[in-house]
C-alpha atoms as a PDB file:
ATOM      1  CA  MET A   1      17.280 -25.594  11.506  1.00  0.00           C
ATOM      2  CA  THR A   2      18.462 -24.013   8.264  1.00  0.00           C
ATOM      3  CA  LEU A   3      18.157 -20.313   7.540  1.00  0.00           C
ATOM      4  CA  ASP A   4      17.594 -19.550   3.860  1.00  0.00           C
ATOM      5  CA  LEU A   5      17.614 -15.761   3.674  1.00  0.00           C
ATOM      6  CA  PHE A   6      16.323 -15.581   0.093  1.00  0.00           C
ATOM      7  CA  HIS A   7      13.155 -17.452   1.023  1.00  0.00           C
ATOM      8  CA  ALA A   8      12.916 -16.049   4.549  1.00  0.00           C
ATOM      9  CA  HIS A   9      12.766 -12.490   3.210  1.00  0.00           C
ATOM     10  CA  LEU A  10       9.584 -13.495   1.374  1.00  0.00           C
ATOM     11  CA  GLU A  11       7.872 -14.897   4.471  1.00  0.00           C
ATOM     12  CA  GLU A  12       9.293 -13.239   7.576  1.00  0.00           C
ATOM     13  CA  PRO A  13       8.175  -9.712   8.494  1.00  0.00           C
ATOM     14  CA  ASP A  14      11.425  -9.162  10.460  1.00  0.00           C
ATOM     15  CA  LEU A  15      14.419 -11.305   9.524  1.00  0.00           C
ATOM     16  CA  ARG A  16      16.468 -10.139  12.493  1.00  0.00           C
ATOM     17  CA  LYS A  17      13.774 -11.221  14.950  1.00  0.00           C
ATOM     18  CA  ALA A  18      13.379 -14.559  13.174  1.00  0.00           C
ATOM     19  CA  ILE A  19      17.119 -15.239  13.469  1.00  0.00           C
ATOM     20  CA  LEU A  20      17.139 -14.257  17.134  1.00  0.00           C
ATOM     21  CA  LYS A  21      14.142 -16.521  17.779  1.00  0.00           C
ATOM     22  CA  ALA A  22      15.820 -19.464  16.039  1.00  0.00           C
ATOM     23  CA  GLY A  23      18.845 -18.935  18.276  1.00  0.00           C
ATOM     24  CA  ARG A  24      20.765 -22.078  19.159  1.00  0.00           C
ATOM     25  CA  HIS A  25      18.537 -24.179  16.874  1.00  0.00           C
ATOM     26  CA  LEU A  26      20.099 -22.581  13.806  1.00  0.00           C
ATOM     27  CA  LEU A  27      22.679 -24.964  12.336  1.00  0.00           C
ATOM     28  CA  HIS A  28      23.112 -23.724   8.756  1.00  0.00           C
ATOM     29  CA  ALA A  29      22.882 -20.295   7.093  1.00  0.00           C
ATOM     30  CA  HIS A  30      22.194 -20.070   3.378  1.00  0.00           C
ATOM     31  CA  ILE A  31      22.677 -16.427   2.403  1.00  0.00           C
ATOM     32  CA  ALA A  32      21.429 -14.803  -0.773  1.00  0.00           C
ATOM     33  CA  ASP A  33      20.348 -11.247  -1.429  1.00  0.00           C
ATOM     34  CA  THR A  34      16.782 -10.653  -2.561  1.00  0.00           C
ATOM     35  CA  ASN A  35      17.767 -10.828  -6.237  1.00  0.00           C
ATOM     36  CA  ARG A  36      20.345 -13.625  -5.795  1.00  0.00           C
ATOM     37  CA  GLN A  37      23.076 -11.332  -7.052  1.00  0.00           C
ATOM     38  CA  GLY A  38      26.047 -10.324  -4.896  1.00  0.00           C
ATOM     39  CA  LEU A  39      25.330  -9.336  -1.294  1.00  0.00           C
ATOM     40  CA  GLY A  40      24.402  -5.660  -1.262  1.00  0.00           C
ATOM     41  CA  ARG A  41      22.899  -5.638  -4.764  1.00  0.00           C
ATOM     42  CA  GLY A  42      19.371  -6.390  -3.550  1.00  0.00           C
ATOM     43  CA  HIS A  43      17.358  -4.984  -0.676  1.00  0.00           C
ATOM     44  CA  LEU A  44      18.275  -7.540   2.006  1.00  0.00           C
ATOM     45  CA  ASP A  45      19.445  -5.843   5.214  1.00  0.00           C
ATOM     46  CA  VAL A  46      22.674  -7.842   5.253  1.00  0.00           C
ATOM     47  CA  VAL A  47      24.108  -5.940   8.219  1.00  0.00           C
ATOM     48  CA  ALA A  48      21.057  -6.653  10.412  1.00  0.00           C
ATOM     49  CA  CYS A  49      21.078 -10.347   9.456  1.00  0.00           C
ATOM     50  CA  LEU A  50      24.799 -10.763  10.142  1.00  0.00           C
ATOM     51  CA  HIS A  51      24.482  -8.874  13.431  1.00  0.00           C
ATOM     52  CA  ALA A  52      21.632 -11.194  14.469  1.00  0.00           C
ATOM     53  CA  LEU A  53      23.755 -14.245  13.599  1.00  0.00           C
ATOM     54  CA  GLN A  54      26.601 -12.856  15.712  1.00  0.00           C
ATOM     55  CA  THR A  55      24.193 -12.062  18.555  1.00  0.00           C
ATOM     56  CA  ILE A  56      23.046 -15.686  18.780  1.00  0.00           C
ATOM     57  CA  GLY A  57      26.656 -16.881  18.654  1.00  0.00           C
ATOM     58  CA  TYR A  58      26.193 -18.599  15.293  1.00  0.00           C
ATOM     59  CA  ALA A  59      29.330 -20.614  14.538  1.00  0.00           C
ATOM     60  CA  GLY A  60      28.133 -22.738  11.624  1.00  0.00           C
ATOM     61  CA  SER A  61      28.736 -22.436   7.917  1.00  0.00           C
ATOM     62  CA  VAL A  62      27.604 -19.509   5.822  1.00  0.00           C
ATOM     63  CA  VAL A  63      26.824 -20.645   2.288  1.00  0.00           C
ATOM     64  CA  LEU A  64      26.493 -18.008  -0.428  1.00  0.00           C
ATOM     65  CA  GLU A  65      23.953 -18.343  -3.211  1.00  0.00           C
ATOM     66  CA  VAL A  66      24.482 -16.149  -6.250  1.00  0.00           C
ATOM     67  CA  MET A  67      23.013 -16.344  -9.735  1.00  0.00           C
ATOM     68  CA  PRO A  68      23.692 -14.288 -12.856  1.00  0.00           C
ATOM     69  CA  PRO A  69      20.759 -12.280 -14.200  1.00  0.00           C
ATOM     70  CA  GLY A  70      18.472 -14.050 -16.625  1.00  0.00           C
ATOM     71  CA  PRO A  71      15.060 -15.627 -16.975  1.00  0.00           C
ATOM     72  CA  ASN A  72      15.837 -19.109 -15.637  1.00  0.00           C
ATOM     73  CA  PRO A  73      16.813 -19.083 -11.939  1.00  0.00           C
ATOM     74  CA  PHE A  74      17.640 -22.803 -12.108  1.00  0.00           C
ATOM     75  CA  GLN A  75      20.308 -22.357 -14.791  1.00  0.00           C
ATOM     76  CA  SER A  76      23.493 -20.893 -13.306  1.00  0.00           C
ATOM     77  CA  ILE A  77      25.457 -20.647 -16.550  1.00  0.00           C
ATOM     78  CA  LYS A  78      23.231 -18.710 -18.927  1.00  0.00           C
ATOM     79  CA  ASP A  79      25.718 -17.338 -21.445  1.00  0.00           C
ATOM     80  CA  THR A  80      29.416 -16.692 -22.036  1.00  0.00           C
ATOM     81  CA  GLN A  81      29.444 -13.906 -19.416  1.00  0.00           C
ATOM     82  CA  SER A  82      27.907 -15.976 -16.588  1.00  0.00           C
ATOM     83  CA  VAL A  83      31.137 -17.309 -15.097  1.00  0.00           C
ATOM     84  CA  GLU A  84      32.675 -13.825 -14.924  1.00  0.00           C
ATOM     85  CA  VAL A  85      29.474 -12.398 -13.402  1.00  0.00           C
ATOM     86  CA  LEU A  86      29.321 -15.189 -10.813  1.00  0.00           C
ATOM     87  CA  ASP A  87      32.990 -14.685  -9.886  1.00  0.00           C
ATOM     88  CA  GLY A  88      32.319 -10.975  -9.377  1.00  0.00           C
ATOM     89  CA  TYR A  89      29.247 -11.621  -7.218  1.00  0.00           C
ATOM     90  CA  ILE A  90      31.189 -14.092  -5.079  1.00  0.00           C
ATOM     91  CA  ARG A  91      34.090 -11.647  -4.584  1.00  0.00           C
ATOM     92  CA  GLU A  92      31.644  -8.847  -3.688  1.00  0.00           C
ATOM     93  CA  SER A  93      29.751 -11.079  -1.270  1.00  0.00           C
ATOM     94  CA  ILE A  94      32.895 -12.275   0.497  1.00  0.00           C
ATOM     95  CA  ALA A  95      34.007  -8.642   0.860  1.00  0.00           C
ATOM     96  CA  VAL A  96      30.645  -7.764   2.435  1.00  0.00           C
ATOM     97  CA  LEU A  97      30.893 -10.714   4.845  1.00  0.00           C
ATOM     98  CA  ARG A  98      34.456  -9.800   5.807  1.00  0.00           C
ATOM     99  CA  HIS A  99      33.501  -6.174   6.343  1.00  0.00           C
ATOM    100  CA  HIS A 100      30.486  -6.879   8.549  1.00  0.00           C
ATOM    101  CA  TRP A 101      31.440 -10.069  10.378  1.00  0.00           C
ATOM    102  CA  GLY A 102      33.288  -9.574  13.655  1.00  0.00           C
ATOM    103  CA  ASN A 103      35.852 -12.333  13.175  1.00  0.00           C
ATOM    104  CA  THR A 104      37.157 -11.841   9.634  1.00  0.00           C
ATOM    105  CA  GLN A 105      39.538 -14.782  10.064  1.00  0.00           C
ATOM    106  CA  ARG A 106      36.567 -17.162   9.755  1.00  0.00           C
ATOM    107  CA  VAL A 107      35.437 -15.873   6.355  1.00  0.00           C
ATOM    108  CA  SER A 108      37.223 -17.908   3.699  1.00  0.00           C
ATOM    109  CA  ASP A 109      37.019 -17.792  -0.059  1.00  0.00           C
ATOM    110  CA  ALA A 110      38.293 -21.358  -0.339  1.00  0.00           C
END
């Protein structure tokens, strides 16, 4: 099972409970805040989601999805500032993951 937090926040009344229910069936976590900007810039309860992943012993990959602001969500490079914005969102998101994930050694920016 894949967890896509951007889409799950639209459908699930309680993301933490959904993650706990998925439990050992969860094999992939695709993490994006509710606005697809850096983690912490939207209204996703990142801490609750990461805690739930830790609670179920999730050991799979965590894939970040970030997009610069703009009208077309399917176009990642929208203007000359997009690359810089994306780099900033990725750095912010990795910092959030490192801060809230128990084993910071596993969070890599490679």
